[in-house]
C-alpha atoms as a PDB file:
ATOM      1  CA  UNK A   1     176.898 154.250 -28.168  1.00  0.00           C
ATOM      2  CA  UNK A   2     175.876 152.364 -25.151  1.00  0.00           C
ATOM      3  CA  UNK A   3     172.509 151.386 -23.536  1.00  0.00           C
ATOM      4  CA  UNK A   4     172.197 153.136 -20.109  1.00  0.00           C
ATOM      5  CA  UNK A   5     169.864 152.424 -17.175  1.00  0.00           C
ATOM      6  CA  UNK A   6     167.801 155.517 -18.177  1.00  0.00           C
ATOM      7  CA  UNK A   7     167.295 153.872 -21.643  1.00  0.00           C
ATOM      8  CA  UNK A   8     166.042 150.689 -19.902  1.00  0.00           C
ATOM      9  CA  UNK A   9     163.568 152.648 -17.825  1.00  0.00           C
ATOM     10  CA  UNK A  10     162.335 154.710 -20.771  1.00  0.00           C
ATOM     11  CA  UNK A  11     162.025 152.025 -23.451  1.00  0.00           C
ATOM     12  CA  UNK A  12     161.078 148.938 -21.391  1.00  0.00           C
ATOM     13  CA  UNK A  13     159.314 150.643 -18.433  1.00  0.00           C
ATOM     14  CA  UNK A  14     161.353 148.690 -15.971  1.00  0.00           C
ATOM     15  CA  UNK A  15     162.187 150.158 -12.597  1.00  0.00           C
ATOM     16  CA  UNK A  16     165.905 150.696 -12.372  1.00  0.00           C
ATOM     17  CA  UNK A  17     165.910 151.256  -8.599  1.00  0.00           C
ATOM     18  CA  UNK A  18     165.461 148.579  -6.110  1.00  0.00           C
ATOM     19  CA  UNK A  19     165.442 144.955  -6.546  1.00  0.00           C
ATOM     20  CA  UNK A  20     163.692 143.672  -9.695  1.00  0.00           C
ATOM     21  CA  UNK A  21     162.958 140.100  -8.172  1.00  0.00           C
ATOM     22  CA  UNK A  22     164.022 138.562  -5.019  1.00  0.00           C
ATOM     23  CA  UNK A  23     164.099 134.799  -4.229  1.00  0.00           C
ATOM     24  CA  UNK A  24     163.133 133.719  -0.834  1.00  0.00           C
ATOM     25  CA  UNK A  25     165.756 131.878   1.082  1.00  0.00           C
ATOM     26  CA  UNK A  26     165.156 128.108   1.341  1.00  0.00           C
ATOM     27  CA  UNK A  27     166.452 125.597   3.756  1.00  0.00           C
ATOM     28  CA  UNK A  28     168.318 122.352   2.706  1.00  0.00           C
ATOM     29  CA  UNK A  29     165.212 120.140   2.986  1.00  0.00           C
ATOM     30  CA  UNK A  30     163.497 122.233   0.430  1.00  0.00           C
ATOM     31  CA  UNK A  31     166.537 122.218  -1.742  1.00  0.00           C
ATOM     32  CA  UNK A  32     166.519 118.435  -1.756  1.00  0.00           C
ATOM     33  CA  UNK A  33     162.840 118.418  -2.567  1.00  0.00           C
ATOM     34  CA  UNK A  34     163.382 120.802  -5.419  1.00  0.00           C
ATOM     35  CA  UNK A  35     166.154 118.714  -6.905  1.00  0.00           C
ATOM     36  CA  UNK A  36     164.229 115.495  -6.616  1.00  0.00           C
ATOM     37  CA  UNK A  37     160.992 117.038  -8.060  1.00  0.00           C
ATOM     38  CA  UNK A  38     162.371 119.284 -10.842  1.00  0.00           C
ATOM     39  CA  UNK A  39     165.625 117.721 -11.757  1.00  0.00           C
ATOM     40  CA  UNK A  40     164.531 114.148 -11.019  1.00  0.00           C
ATOM     41  CA  UNK A  41     167.818 113.128  -9.160  1.00  0.00           C
ATOM     42  CA  UNK A  42     167.767 110.535  -6.449  1.00  0.00           C
ATOM     43  CA  UNK A  43     167.087 111.773  -2.911  1.00  0.00           C
ATOM     44  CA  UNK A  44     170.443 110.433  -1.807  1.00  0.00           C
ATOM     45  CA  UNK A  45     172.253 112.105  -4.708  1.00  0.00           C
ATOM     46  CA  UNK A  46     170.533 115.548  -3.832  1.00  0.00           C
ATOM     47  CA  UNK A  47     171.463 115.051  -0.230  1.00  0.00           C
ATOM     48  CA  UNK A  48     175.123 114.286  -0.884  1.00  0.00           C
ATOM     49  CA  UNK A  49     175.384 117.343  -3.158  1.00  0.00           C
ATOM     50  CA  UNK A  50     173.914 119.745  -0.691  1.00  0.00           C
ATOM     51  CA  UNK A  51     176.179 118.343   2.066  1.00  0.00           C
ATOM     52  CA  UNK A  52     179.248 118.755  -0.132  1.00  0.00           C
ATOM     53  CA  UNK A  53     178.187 122.409  -1.039  1.00  0.00           C
ATOM     54  CA  UNK A  54     177.281 123.098   2.654  1.00  0.00           C
ATOM     55  CA  UNK A  55     173.984 124.594   2.098  1.00  0.00           C
ATOM     56  CA  UNK A  56     171.249 125.441  -0.574  1.00  0.00           C
ATOM     57  CA  UNK A  57     173.714 125.131  -3.551  1.00  0.00           C
ATOM     58  CA  UNK A  58     174.817 122.763  -6.184  1.00  0.00           C
ATOM     59  CA  UNK A  59     178.125 122.717  -8.174  1.00  0.00           C
ATOM     60  CA  UNK A  60     178.220 123.800 -11.711  1.00  0.00           C
ATOM     61  CA  UNK A  61     179.991 120.582 -12.689  1.00  0.00           C
ATOM     62  CA  UNK A  62     177.229 118.497 -11.007  1.00  0.00           C
ATOM     63  CA  UNK A  63     174.511 120.395 -12.721  1.00  0.00           C
ATOM     64  CA  UNK A  64     176.280 119.902 -16.157  1.00  0.00           C
ATOM     65  CA  UNK A  65     176.678 116.192 -15.445  1.00  0.00           C
ATOM     66  CA  UNK A  66     173.013 115.893 -14.702  1.00  0.00           C
ATOM     67  CA  UNK A  67     172.084 117.973 -17.746  1.00  0.00           C
ATOM     68  CA  UNK A  68     173.951 115.558 -20.039  1.00  0.00           C
ATOM     69  CA  UNK A  69     172.433 112.582 -18.390  1.00  0.00           C
ATOM     70  CA  UNK A  70     168.911 113.878 -18.880  1.00  0.00           C
ATOM     71  CA  UNK A  71     169.713 114.694 -22.662  1.00  0.00           C
ATOM     72  CA  UNK A  72     171.131 111.254 -23.088  1.00  0.00           C
ATOM     73  CA  UNK A  73     167.907 109.622 -21.824  1.00  0.00           C
ATOM     74  CA  UNK A  74     165.730 112.260 -23.767  1.00  0.00           C
ATOM     75  CA  UNK A  75     164.188 113.891 -20.676  1.00  0.00           C
ATOM     76  CA  UNK A  76     163.845 117.240 -22.326  1.00  0.00           C
ATOM     77  CA  UNK A  77     161.886 119.038 -19.737  1.00  0.00           C
ATOM     78  CA  UNK A  78     164.169 118.109 -16.872  1.00  0.00           C
ATOM     79  CA  UNK A  79     167.198 118.938 -19.136  1.00  0.00           C
ATOM     80  CA  UNK A  80     165.740 122.419 -19.838  1.00  0.00           C
ATOM     81  CA  UNK A  81     165.438 123.098 -16.063  1.00  0.00           C
ATOM     82  CA  UNK A  82     169.023 121.989 -15.452  1.00  0.00           C
ATOM     83  CA  UNK A  83     170.209 124.219 -18.372  1.00  0.00           C
ATOM     84  CA  UNK A  84     168.141 127.193 -17.326  1.00  0.00           C
ATOM     85  CA  UNK A  85     169.350 126.848 -13.698  1.00  0.00           C
ATOM     86  CA  UNK A  86     172.898 126.767 -14.960  1.00  0.00           C
ATOM     87  CA  UNK A  87     172.346 129.819 -17.371  1.00  0.00           C
ATOM     88  CA  UNK A  88     170.723 131.858 -14.572  1.00  0.00           C
ATOM     89  CA  UNK A  89     173.301 131.003 -11.929  1.00  0.00           C
ATOM     90  CA  UNK A  90     176.221 131.760 -14.303  1.00  0.00           C
ATOM     91  CA  UNK A  91     174.894 134.989 -15.730  1.00  0.00           C
ATOM     92  CA  UNK A  92     172.046 136.925 -14.192  1.00  0.00           C
ATOM     93  CA  UNK A  93     172.580 135.738 -10.482  1.00  0.00           C
ATOM     94  CA  UNK A  94     176.208 134.733 -10.516  1.00  0.00           C
ATOM     95  CA  UNK A  95     178.048 134.825  -7.164  1.00  0.00           C
ATOM     96  CA  UNK A  96     181.660 135.112  -6.125  1.00  0.00           C
ATOM     97  CA  UNK A  97     182.368 131.478  -5.880  1.00  0.00           C
ATOM     98  CA  UNK A  98     181.940 130.812  -9.629  1.00  0.00           C
ATOM     99  CA  UNK A  99     181.472 127.205  -8.766  1.00  0.00           C
ATOM    100  CA  UNK A 100     178.217 126.987  -6.986  1.00  0.00           C
ATOM    101  CA  UNK A 101     174.571 127.860  -7.828  1.00  0.00           C
ATOM    102  CA  UNK A 102     171.901 128.666  -5.367  1.00  0.00           C
ATOM    103  CA  UNK A 103     168.973 126.283  -5.940  1.00  0.00           C
ATOM    104  CA  UNK A 104     166.322 128.848  -5.003  1.00  0.00           C
ATOM    105  CA  UNK A 105     166.381 129.955  -8.606  1.00  0.00           C
ATOM    106  CA  UNK A 106     165.082 126.514  -9.672  1.00  0.00           C
ATOM    107  CA  UNK A 107     161.629 127.269  -8.270  1.00  0.00           C
ATOM    108  CA  UNK A 108     161.342 129.882 -11.081  1.00  0.00           C
ATOM    109  CA  UNK A 109     161.318 127.033 -13.560  1.00  0.00           C
ATOM    110  CA  UNK A 110     158.681 125.060 -12.067  1.00  0.00           C
ATOM    111  CA  UNK A 111     156.243 125.677 -14.856  1.00  0.00           C
ATOM    112  CA  UNK A 112     158.285 126.081 -18.154  1.00  0.00           C
ATOM    113  CA  UNK A 113     155.284 127.109 -20.154  1.00  0.00           C
ATOM    114  CA  UNK A 114     154.600 130.142 -17.833  1.00  0.00           C
ATOM    115  CA  UNK A 115     158.363 130.947 -17.662  1.00  0.00           C
END
């Protein structure tokens, strides 16, 4: 037995047509601001990462490293944002690169209590 899209529509009352949610495209300056504010990385570190990824992306390895650093210094809220960005970027909104994550998803975790 398998769950079908019709089951999702019937049981959860979620639309199965169209986009469930779309993230607005953001430019590199906004990406740097998100990374500095929400992941508490240095502005230079955020700029270097976006330049290496050539756009509004970060590497999974870079994100994992920052997650471990934030856990080591017990910054749990920041670590949670990094973890959730990694989780969402690898599962729900994965792309073909399998190595980069679009930082636009990070804005969804601005308020973890609401999320």
